Amino acid sequence: MSSLTADISVVVFASRQGILLQGTMLSVERAVGEAREAGMNVEVLVATYAADKKTAAWVRERSPYRVLSTADSCLGKARNLALDETRGHHVAFLDGADIWSRNFLVGAAEQDQRVKRDVVWRPAVSIGFANDYFDASGYSVRQIPNSSDFDRSSILVDNPFPSTFFARRRIVETHRFPTEDLKRGWTDVDWWWNANLLGYDIEQITVPDTLHYFRSSLAQERARENGTVRLGPTALELGKRRRG
């Protein structure tokens, strides 16, 4: 990694989103534009991992940003590799097909300046959709909790936090993403990472009046319900054992 030359590094992760990346990148451009107008230096990268042909072609032909690519299908590895290539004092990750409200980056950066402790910032509301942004009949709405407002151990059963976040770089460098273990079903690296953060007492706090749209997957929901997707050993459980 080169020296830190940006205030914020935005990374968009793309694998099998195809044309839906167009909505993602438009939302990024708007959010980055707001941050730059507020005087922040922002870089944008696109990280592809095991991308299908449509997604790879869209990124190659349409993305104006620096592209990082890996053939590995593990999202945790892709997140860590991308982090190593960023140059921002803060990082913000967004998955392909997902959308930010234009005020998310500015709101998170302003909130982060006011606190001394380590915080991972989340949008206040996440709206799930199926395959079409414009089909409201398929929407699901989640109010994202602040980590001080709920029983932390409940994350071992279900993950209430979205994949997108804004945080100081050193938090993500210190607490890197876990990697998948397909045989054990340890494949939801974001859920696993969130549990680790809570185990190290890192708060996850929402940015008021911000939104996040995410592409929901019925297959993923069913896999979690039937137990084929599970958490690996977490810092939250280890911390409870130490304190107990």
C-alpha atoms as a PDB file:
ATOM      1  CA  MET A   1       0.000   0.000   0.000  1.00  0.00           C
ATOM      2  CA  SER A   2       1.187   3.519  -0.814  1.00  0.00           C
ATOM      3  CA  SER A   3       1.112   6.380   1.651  1.00  0.00           C
ATOM      4  CA  LEU A   4      -2.298   7.600   2.717  1.00  0.00           C
ATOM      5  CA  THR A   5      -3.278  10.403   0.371  1.00  0.00           C
ATOM      6  CA  ALA A   6      -7.090  10.429   0.585  1.00  0.00           C
ATOM      7  CA  ASP A   7      -9.584  11.203   3.315  1.00  0.00           C
ATOM      8  CA  ILE A   8     -11.910   8.400   2.202  1.00  0.00           C
ATOM      9  CA  SER A   9     -11.468   5.297   0.059  1.00  0.00           C
ATOM     10  CA  VAL A  10     -14.700   3.953  -1.416  1.00  0.00           C
ATOM     11  CA  VAL A  11     -14.578   0.364  -2.666  1.00  0.00           C
ATOM     12  CA  VAL A  12     -17.350  -1.230  -4.733  1.00  0.00           C
ATOM     13  CA  PHE A  13     -17.267  -5.047  -4.822  1.00  0.00           C
ATOM     14  CA  ALA A  14     -18.544  -6.705  -7.994  1.00  0.00           C
ATOM     15  CA  SER A  15     -19.016 -10.337  -8.877  1.00  0.00           C
ATOM     16  CA  ARG A  16     -22.315 -11.236 -10.552  1.00  0.00           C
ATOM     17  CA  GLN A  17     -24.315  -8.027 -10.733  1.00  0.00           C
ATOM     18  CA  GLY A  18     -24.058  -7.157 -14.413  1.00  0.00           C
ATOM     19  CA  ILE A  19     -26.144  -4.137 -15.432  1.00  0.00           C
ATOM     20  CA  LEU A  20     -27.248  -3.515 -11.818  1.00  0.00           C
ATOM     21  CA  LEU A  21     -23.812  -1.980 -11.277  1.00  0.00           C
ATOM     22  CA  GLN A  22     -25.092   1.046 -13.133  1.00  0.00           C
ATOM     23  CA  GLY A  23     -27.376   1.987 -10.233  1.00  0.00           C
ATOM     24  CA  THR A  24     -24.614   1.306  -7.723  1.00  0.00           C
ATOM     25  CA  MET A  25     -22.094   3.523  -9.462  1.00  0.00           C
ATOM     26  CA  LEU A  26     -24.597   6.353  -9.891  1.00  0.00           C
ATOM     27  CA  SER A  27     -25.265   6.319  -6.148  1.00  0.00           C
ATOM     28  CA  VAL A  28     -21.517   6.290  -5.462  1.00  0.00           C
ATOM     29  CA  GLU A  29     -20.955   9.254  -7.766  1.00  0.00           C
ATOM     30  CA  ARG A  30     -23.648  11.233  -5.972  1.00  0.00           C
ATOM     31  CA  ALA A  31     -22.343  10.363  -2.500  1.00  0.00           C
ATOM     32  CA  VAL A  32     -18.746  11.080  -3.509  1.00  0.00           C
ATOM     33  CA  GLY A  33     -19.822  14.367  -5.083  1.00  0.00           C
ATOM     34  CA  GLU A  34     -21.438  15.464  -1.809  1.00  0.00           C
ATOM     35  CA  ALA A  35     -18.277  14.536   0.111  1.00  0.00           C
ATOM     36  CA  ARG A  36     -16.021  16.402  -2.299  1.00  0.00           C
ATOM     37  CA  GLU A  37     -18.238  19.476  -2.115  1.00  0.00           C
ATOM     38  CA  ALA A  38     -17.735  19.330   1.651  1.00  0.00           C
ATOM     39  CA  GLY A  39     -13.951  19.502   1.081  1.00  0.00           C
ATOM     40  CA  MET A  40     -13.087  15.803   1.401  1.00  0.00           C
ATOM     41  CA  ASN A  41     -10.561  14.008  -0.809  1.00  0.00           C
ATOM     42  CA  VAL A  42     -12.214  10.764  -1.956  1.00  0.00           C
ATOM     43  CA  GLU A  43     -10.853   7.938  -4.111  1.00  0.00           C
ATOM     44  CA  VAL A  44     -13.034   5.224  -5.650  1.00  0.00           C
ATOM     45  CA  LEU A  45     -11.981   1.685  -6.540  1.00  0.00           C
ATOM     46  CA  VAL A  46     -13.900  -1.233  -8.035  1.00  0.00           C
ATOM     47  CA  ALA A  47     -12.869  -4.686  -6.781  1.00  0.00           C
ATOM     48  CA  THR A  48     -14.036  -7.645  -8.854  1.00  0.00           C
ATOM     49  CA  TYR A  49     -13.828 -11.175  -7.491  1.00  0.00           C
ATOM     50  CA  ALA A  50     -14.642 -14.274  -9.566  1.00  0.00           C
ATOM     51  CA  ALA A  51     -16.664 -11.935 -11.785  1.00  0.00           C
ATOM     52  CA  ASP A  52     -18.934 -13.410 -14.446  1.00  0.00           C
ATOM     53  CA  LYS A  53     -18.612 -12.253 -18.060  1.00  0.00           C
ATOM     54  CA  LYS A  54     -21.390  -9.654 -17.914  1.00  0.00           C
ATOM     55  CA  THR A  55     -20.040  -8.057 -14.749  1.00  0.00           C
ATOM     56  CA  ALA A  56     -16.423  -8.087 -15.922  1.00  0.00           C
ATOM     57  CA  ALA A  57     -17.463  -6.540 -19.238  1.00  0.00           C
ATOM     58  CA  TRP A  58     -19.509  -3.817 -17.552  1.00  0.00           C
ATOM     59  CA  VAL A  59     -16.611  -2.877 -15.278  1.00  0.00           C
ATOM     60  CA  ARG A  60     -14.097  -2.973 -18.125  1.00  0.00           C
ATOM     61  CA  GLU A  61     -16.208  -0.873 -20.488  1.00  0.00           C
ATOM     62  CA  ARG A  62     -18.052   1.482 -18.147  1.00  0.00           C
ATOM     63  CA  SER A  63     -16.141   2.055 -14.924  1.00  0.00           C
ATOM     64  CA  PRO A  64     -13.993   5.220 -14.861  1.00  0.00           C
ATOM     65  CA  TYR A  65     -12.301   4.087 -11.654  1.00  0.00           C
ATOM     66  CA  ARG A  66      -9.260   1.996 -10.793  1.00  0.00           C
ATOM     67  CA  VAL A  67     -10.104  -1.702 -10.959  1.00  0.00           C
ATOM     68  CA  LEU A  68      -8.679  -4.454  -8.756  1.00  0.00           C
ATOM     69  CA  SER A  69      -9.378  -8.049  -9.788  1.00  0.00           C
ATOM     70  CA  THR A  70      -9.027 -11.488  -8.268  1.00  0.00           C
ATOM     71  CA  ALA A  71     -10.211 -14.849  -9.550  1.00  0.00           C
ATOM     72  CA  ASP A  72     -10.810 -16.013  -5.975  1.00  0.00           C
ATOM     73  CA  SER A  73     -14.522 -16.302  -5.111  1.00  0.00           C
ATOM     74  CA  CYS A  74     -14.062 -15.617  -1.367  1.00  0.00           C
ATOM     75  CA  LEU A  75     -15.538 -12.231  -0.492  1.00  0.00           C
ATOM     76  CA  GLY A  76     -13.470 -12.012   2.701  1.00  0.00           C
ATOM     77  CA  LYS A  77     -10.238 -12.296   0.716  1.00  0.00           C
ATOM     78  CA  ALA A  78     -11.491  -9.727  -1.800  1.00  0.00           C
ATOM     79  CA  ARG A  79     -12.287  -7.274   0.992  1.00  0.00           C
ATOM     80  CA  ASN A  80      -8.827  -7.677   2.551  1.00  0.00           C
ATOM     81  CA  LEU A  81      -7.007  -7.409  -0.788  1.00  0.00           C
ATOM     82  CA  ALA A  82      -8.928  -4.246  -1.656  1.00  0.00           C
ATOM     83  CA  LEU A  83      -8.181  -2.704   1.727  1.00  0.00           C
ATOM     84  CA  ASP A  84      -4.462  -3.156   1.105  1.00  0.00           C
ATOM     85  CA  GLU A  85      -4.738  -1.180  -2.146  1.00  0.00           C
ATOM     86  CA  THR A  86      -6.616   1.812  -0.750  1.00  0.00           C
ATOM     87  CA  ARG A  87      -5.036   5.099   0.321  1.00  0.00           C
ATOM     88  CA  GLY A  88      -7.722   6.629   2.534  1.00  0.00           C
ATOM     89  CA  HIS A  89      -7.667   7.385   6.241  1.00  0.00           C
ATOM     90  CA  HIS A  90     -11.271   6.110   6.210  1.00  0.00           C
ATOM     91  CA  VAL A  91     -12.783   3.338   4.112  1.00  0.00           C
ATOM     92  CA  ALA A  92     -16.326   2.728   2.919  1.00  0.00           C
ATOM     93  CA  PHE A  93     -17.365  -0.582   1.339  1.00  0.00           C
ATOM     94  CA  LEU A  94     -20.414  -1.107  -0.872  1.00  0.00           C
ATOM     95  CA  ASP A  95     -21.469  -4.274  -2.660  1.00  0.00           C
ATOM     96  CA  GLY A  96     -22.402  -4.283  -6.319  1.00  0.00           C
ATOM     97  CA  ALA A  97     -26.142  -3.807  -6.962  1.00  0.00           C
ATOM     98  CA  ASP A  98     -26.460  -1.964  -3.617  1.00  0.00           C
ATOM     99  CA  ILE A  99     -27.199   1.760  -3.416  1.00  0.00           C
ATOM    100  CA  TRP A 100     -26.363   4.505  -0.911  1.00  0.00           C
ATOM    101  CA  SER A 101     -28.364   7.626  -0.280  1.00  0.00           C
ATOM    102  CA  ARG A 102     -26.281  10.591  -1.373  1.00  0.00           C
ATOM    103  CA  ASN A 103     -25.775  11.815   2.216  1.00  0.00           C
ATOM    104  CA  PHE A 104     -24.218   8.621   3.613  1.00  0.00           C
ATOM    105  CA  LEU A 105     -20.517   9.442   3.153  1.00  0.00           C
ATOM    106  CA  VAL A 106     -20.842  13.038   4.335  1.00  0.00           C
ATOM    107  CA  GLY A 107     -23.033  12.057   7.269  1.00  0.00           C
ATOM    108  CA  ALA A 108     -20.725   9.246   8.384  1.00  0.00           C
ATOM    109  CA  ALA A 109     -17.584  11.394   8.062  1.00  0.00           C
ATOM    110  CA  GLU A 110     -19.123  14.238  10.043  1.00  0.00           C
ATOM    111  CA  GLN A 111     -20.333  11.898  12.772  1.00  0.00           C
ATOM    112  CA  ASP A 112     -16.947  10.193  12.972  1.00  0.00           C
ATOM    113  CA  GLN A 113     -15.183  13.518  13.530  1.00  0.00           C
ATOM    114  CA  ARG A 114     -17.252  14.055  16.680  1.00  0.00           C
ATOM    115  CA  VAL A 115     -16.334  10.806  18.454  1.00  0.00           C
ATOM    116  CA  LYS A 116     -13.064   9.690  20.018  1.00  0.00           C
ATOM    117  CA  ARG A 117     -13.837   5.978  20.253  1.00  0.00           C
ATOM    118  CA  ASP A 118     -13.752   3.390  17.462  1.00  0.00           C
ATOM    119  CA  VAL A 119     -17.049   3.185  15.577  1.00  0.00           C
ATOM    120  CA  VAL A 120     -18.228   1.421  12.439  1.00  0.00           C
ATOM    121  CA  TRP A 121     -20.941   3.553  10.830  1.00  0.00           C
ATOM    122  CA  ARG A 122     -24.007   2.079   9.145  1.00  0.00           C
ATOM    123  CA  PRO A 123     -26.962   3.528   7.243  1.00  0.00           C
ATOM    124  CA  ALA A 124     -30.071   3.983   9.382  1.00  0.00           C
ATOM    125  CA  VAL A 125     -32.401   1.970   7.143  1.00  0.00           C
ATOM    126  CA  SER A 126     -31.762  -0.855   4.682  1.00  0.00           C
ATOM    127  CA  ILE A 127     -34.321  -1.654   2.002  1.00  0.00           C
ATOM    128  CA  GLY A 128     -34.071  -5.036   0.338  1.00  0.00           C
ATOM    129  CA  PHE A 129     -35.210  -5.701  -3.220  1.00  0.00           C
ATOM    130  CA  ALA A 130     -35.260  -8.812  -5.380  1.00  0.00           C
ATOM    131  CA  ASN A 131     -33.980  -8.412  -8.933  1.00  0.00           C
ATOM    132  CA  ASP A 132     -35.459  -5.044  -9.854  1.00  0.00           C
ATOM    133  CA  TYR A 133     -34.944  -1.687  -8.122  1.00  0.00           C
ATOM    134  CA  PHE A 134     -38.316  -0.521  -9.386  1.00  0.00           C
ATOM    135  CA  ASP A 135     -40.493  -3.401  -8.174  1.00  0.00           C
ATOM    136  CA  ALA A 136     -41.700  -2.065  -4.817  1.00  0.00           C
ATOM    137  CA  SER A 137     -43.794  -5.190  -4.193  1.00  0.00           C
ATOM    138  CA  GLY A 138     -40.569  -7.061  -3.443  1.00  0.00           C
ATOM    139  CA  TYR A 139     -39.235  -4.563  -0.903  1.00  0.00           C
ATOM    140  CA  SER A 140     -38.331  -5.459   2.679  1.00  0.00           C
ATOM    141  CA  VAL A 141     -37.358  -2.766   5.189  1.00  0.00           C
ATOM    142  CA  ARG A 142     -34.918  -3.120   8.093  1.00  0.00           C
ATOM    143  CA  GLN A 143     -34.305  -0.495  10.750  1.00  0.00           C
ATOM    144  CA  ILE A 144     -30.641  -0.979  11.632  1.00  0.00           C
ATOM    145  CA  PRO A 145     -29.975  -1.123  15.392  1.00  0.00           C
ATOM    146  CA  ASN A 146     -27.157   0.638  17.157  1.00  0.00           C
ATOM    147  CA  SER A 147     -24.951  -1.910  18.890  1.00  0.00           C
ATOM    148  CA  SER A 148     -25.718  -0.427  22.301  1.00  0.00           C
ATOM    149  CA  ASP A 149     -29.463  -0.929  21.771  1.00  0.00           C
ATOM    150  CA  PHE A 150     -29.679  -4.704  21.496  1.00  0.00           C
ATOM    151  CA  ASP A 151     -28.399  -7.910  23.035  1.00  0.00           C
ATOM    152  CA  ARG A 152     -25.016  -8.407  21.379  1.00  0.00           C
ATOM    153  CA  SER A 153     -25.178 -12.169  21.715  1.00  0.00           C
ATOM    154  CA  SER A 154     -28.239 -12.164  19.429  1.00  0.00           C
ATOM    155  CA  ILE A 155     -25.924 -11.641  16.461  1.00  0.00           C
ATOM    156  CA  LEU A 156     -24.836 -15.262  16.919  1.00  0.00           C
ATOM    157  CA  VAL A 157     -28.339 -16.187  15.726  1.00  0.00           C
ATOM    158  CA  ASP A 158     -28.942 -13.532  13.070  1.00  0.00           C
ATOM    159  CA  ASN A 159     -27.121 -10.570  11.549  1.00  0.00           C
ATOM    160  CA  PRO A 160     -29.048  -7.270  11.795  1.00  0.00           C
ATOM    161  CA  PHE A 161     -26.356  -5.175  10.101  1.00  0.00           C
ATOM    162  CA  PRO A 162     -25.960  -4.507   6.375  1.00  0.00           C
ATOM    163  CA  SER A 163     -22.752  -5.282   4.519  1.00  0.00           C
ATOM    164  CA  THR A 164     -22.039  -1.623   3.783  1.00  0.00           C
ATOM    165  CA  PHE A 165     -20.126   0.534   6.278  1.00  0.00           C
ATOM    166  CA  PHE A 166     -17.849   3.545   6.847  1.00  0.00           C
ATOM    167  CA  ALA A 167     -14.959   3.288   9.316  1.00  0.00           C
ATOM    168  CA  ARG A 168     -11.497   4.478  10.188  1.00  0.00           C
ATOM    169  CA  ARG A 169      -8.983   2.527   8.200  1.00  0.00           C
ATOM    170  CA  ARG A 170      -7.086   1.239  11.221  1.00  0.00           C
ATOM    171  CA  ILE A 171     -10.234  -0.499  12.523  1.00  0.00           C
ATOM    172  CA  VAL A 172     -10.494  -2.596   9.373  1.00  0.00           C
ATOM    173  CA  GLU A 173      -6.743  -3.184   9.237  1.00  0.00           C
ATOM    174  CA  THR A 174      -6.743  -4.422  12.836  1.00  0.00           C
ATOM    175  CA  HIS A 175      -9.887  -6.522  12.416  1.00  0.00           C
ATOM    176  CA  ARG A 176      -9.555  -8.028   8.988  1.00  0.00           C
ATOM    177  CA  PHE A 177     -12.311 -10.014   7.334  1.00  0.00           C
ATOM    178  CA  PRO A 178     -12.386 -13.766   7.956  1.00  0.00           C
ATOM    179  CA  THR A 179     -12.137 -16.136   5.011  1.00  0.00           C
ATOM    180  CA  GLU A 180     -14.680 -18.730   4.035  1.00  0.00           C
ATOM    181  CA  ASP A 181     -14.597 -22.378   5.037  1.00  0.00           C
ATOM    182  CA  LEU A 182     -17.027 -24.054   2.643  1.00  0.00           C
ATOM    183  CA  LYS A 183     -16.869 -27.463   4.323  1.00  0.00           C
ATOM    184  CA  ARG A 184     -18.013 -26.025   7.647  1.00  0.00           C
ATOM    185  CA  GLY A 185     -20.517 -23.605   6.108  1.00  0.00           C
ATOM    186  CA  TRP A 186     -18.598 -20.561   7.349  1.00  0.00           C
ATOM    187  CA  THR A 187     -19.400 -18.499   4.270  1.00  0.00           C
ATOM    188  CA  ASP A 188     -21.111 -15.294   5.413  1.00  0.00           C
ATOM    189  CA  VAL A 189     -17.963 -13.277   6.096  1.00  0.00           C
ATOM    190  CA  ASP A 190     -19.835 -10.020   6.787  1.00  0.00           C
ATOM    191  CA  TRP A 191     -21.984 -11.609   9.507  1.00  0.00           C
ATOM    192  CA  TRP A 192     -18.855 -13.205  10.986  1.00  0.00           C
ATOM    193  CA  TRP A 193     -16.922  -9.913  10.856  1.00  0.00           C
ATOM    194  CA  ASN A 194     -19.764  -8.052  12.568  1.00  0.00           C
ATOM    195  CA  ALA A 195     -19.757 -10.562  15.408  1.00  0.00           C
ATOM    196  CA  ASN A 196     -15.999 -10.141  15.768  1.00  0.00           C
ATOM    197  CA  LEU A 197     -16.356  -6.356  15.957  1.00  0.00           C
ATOM    198  CA  LEU A 198     -18.868  -6.662  18.781  1.00  0.00           C
ATOM    199  CA  GLY A 199     -16.529  -9.076  20.538  1.00  0.00           C
ATOM    200  CA  TYR A 200     -13.869  -6.361  20.556  1.00  0.00           C
ATOM    201  CA  ASP A 201     -16.395  -3.785  21.811  1.00  0.00           C
ATOM    202  CA  ILE A 202     -16.384  -1.791  18.598  1.00  0.00           C
ATOM    203  CA  GLU A 203     -19.690  -0.002  18.324  1.00  0.00           C
ATOM    204  CA  GLN A 204     -21.785  -0.068  15.178  1.00  0.00           C
ATOM    205  CA  ILE A 205     -23.831   3.102  14.984  1.00  0.00           C
ATOM    206  CA  THR A 206     -26.290   4.356  12.399  1.00  0.00           C
ATOM    207  CA  VAL A 207     -26.003   7.650  10.535  1.00  0.00           C
ATOM    208  CA  PRO A 208     -29.316   9.514  10.898  1.00  0.00           C
ATOM    209  CA  ASP A 209     -31.513   9.962   7.822  1.00  0.00           C
ATOM    210  CA  THR A 210     -29.458   7.695   5.563  1.00  0.00           C
ATOM    211  CA  LEU A 211     -30.638   4.818   3.376  1.00  0.00           C
ATOM    212  CA  HIS A 212     -29.156   1.721   1.804  1.00  0.00           C
ATOM    213  CA  TYR A 213     -30.777  -0.478  -0.843  1.00  0.00           C
ATOM    214  CA  PHE A 214     -29.499  -4.042  -1.082  1.00  0.00           C
ATOM    215  CA  ARG A 215     -30.175  -6.964  -3.352  1.00  0.00           C
ATOM    216  CA  SER A 216     -31.734  -9.680  -1.208  1.00  0.00           C
ATOM    217  CA  SER A 217     -31.303 -13.324  -2.090  1.00  0.00           C
ATOM    218  CA  LEU A 218     -33.969 -15.888  -1.270  1.00  0.00           C
ATOM    219  CA  ALA A 219     -31.365 -18.642  -1.635  1.00  0.00           C
ATOM    220  CA  GLN A 220     -29.122 -17.011   0.978  1.00  0.00           C
ATOM    221  CA  GLU A 221     -32.021 -16.513   3.383  1.00  0.00           C
ATOM    222  CA  ARG A 222     -33.046 -20.165   3.077  1.00  0.00           C
ATOM    223  CA  ALA A 223     -29.450 -21.338   3.531  1.00  0.00           C
ATOM    224  CA  ARG A 224     -29.220 -19.421   6.801  1.00  0.00           C
ATOM    225  CA  GLU A 225     -32.593 -20.716   7.995  1.00  0.00           C
ATOM    226  CA  ASN A 226     -31.705 -24.348   7.365  1.00  0.00           C
ATOM    227  CA  GLY A 227     -28.295 -24.016   8.974  1.00  0.00           C
ATOM    228  CA  THR A 228     -26.078 -24.537   5.947  1.00  0.00           C
ATOM    229  CA  VAL A 229     -24.619 -21.058   6.530  1.00  0.00           C
ATOM    230  CA  ARG A 230     -23.075 -20.675   9.983  1.00  0.00           C
ATOM    231  CA  LEU A 231     -20.666 -18.486  11.887  1.00  0.00           C
ATOM    232  CA  GLY A 232     -17.130 -19.565  12.548  1.00  0.00           C
ATOM    233  CA  PRO A 233     -15.537 -19.007  15.993  1.00  0.00           C
ATOM    234  CA  THR A 234     -16.054 -15.358  16.918  1.00  0.00           C
ATOM    235  CA  ALA A 235     -14.318 -12.827  19.145  1.00  0.00           C
ATOM    236  CA  LEU A 236     -17.705 -12.247  20.766  1.00  0.00           C
ATOM    237  CA  GLU A 237     -17.814 -15.825  22.090  1.00  0.00           C
ATOM    238  CA  LEU A 238     -14.155 -15.752  23.125  1.00  0.00           C
ATOM    239  CA  GLY A 239     -14.724 -12.485  24.982  1.00  0.00           C
ATOM    240  CA  LYS A 240     -17.679 -13.955  26.862  1.00  0.00           C
ATOM    241  CA  ARG A 241     -15.570 -16.934  27.908  1.00  0.00           C
ATOM    242  CA  ARG A 242     -12.757 -14.666  29.114  1.00  0.00           C
ATOM    243  CA  ARG A 243     -15.146 -12.496  31.145  1.00  0.00           C
ATOM    244  CA  GLY A 244     -17.011 -15.547  32.435  1.00  0.00           C
END
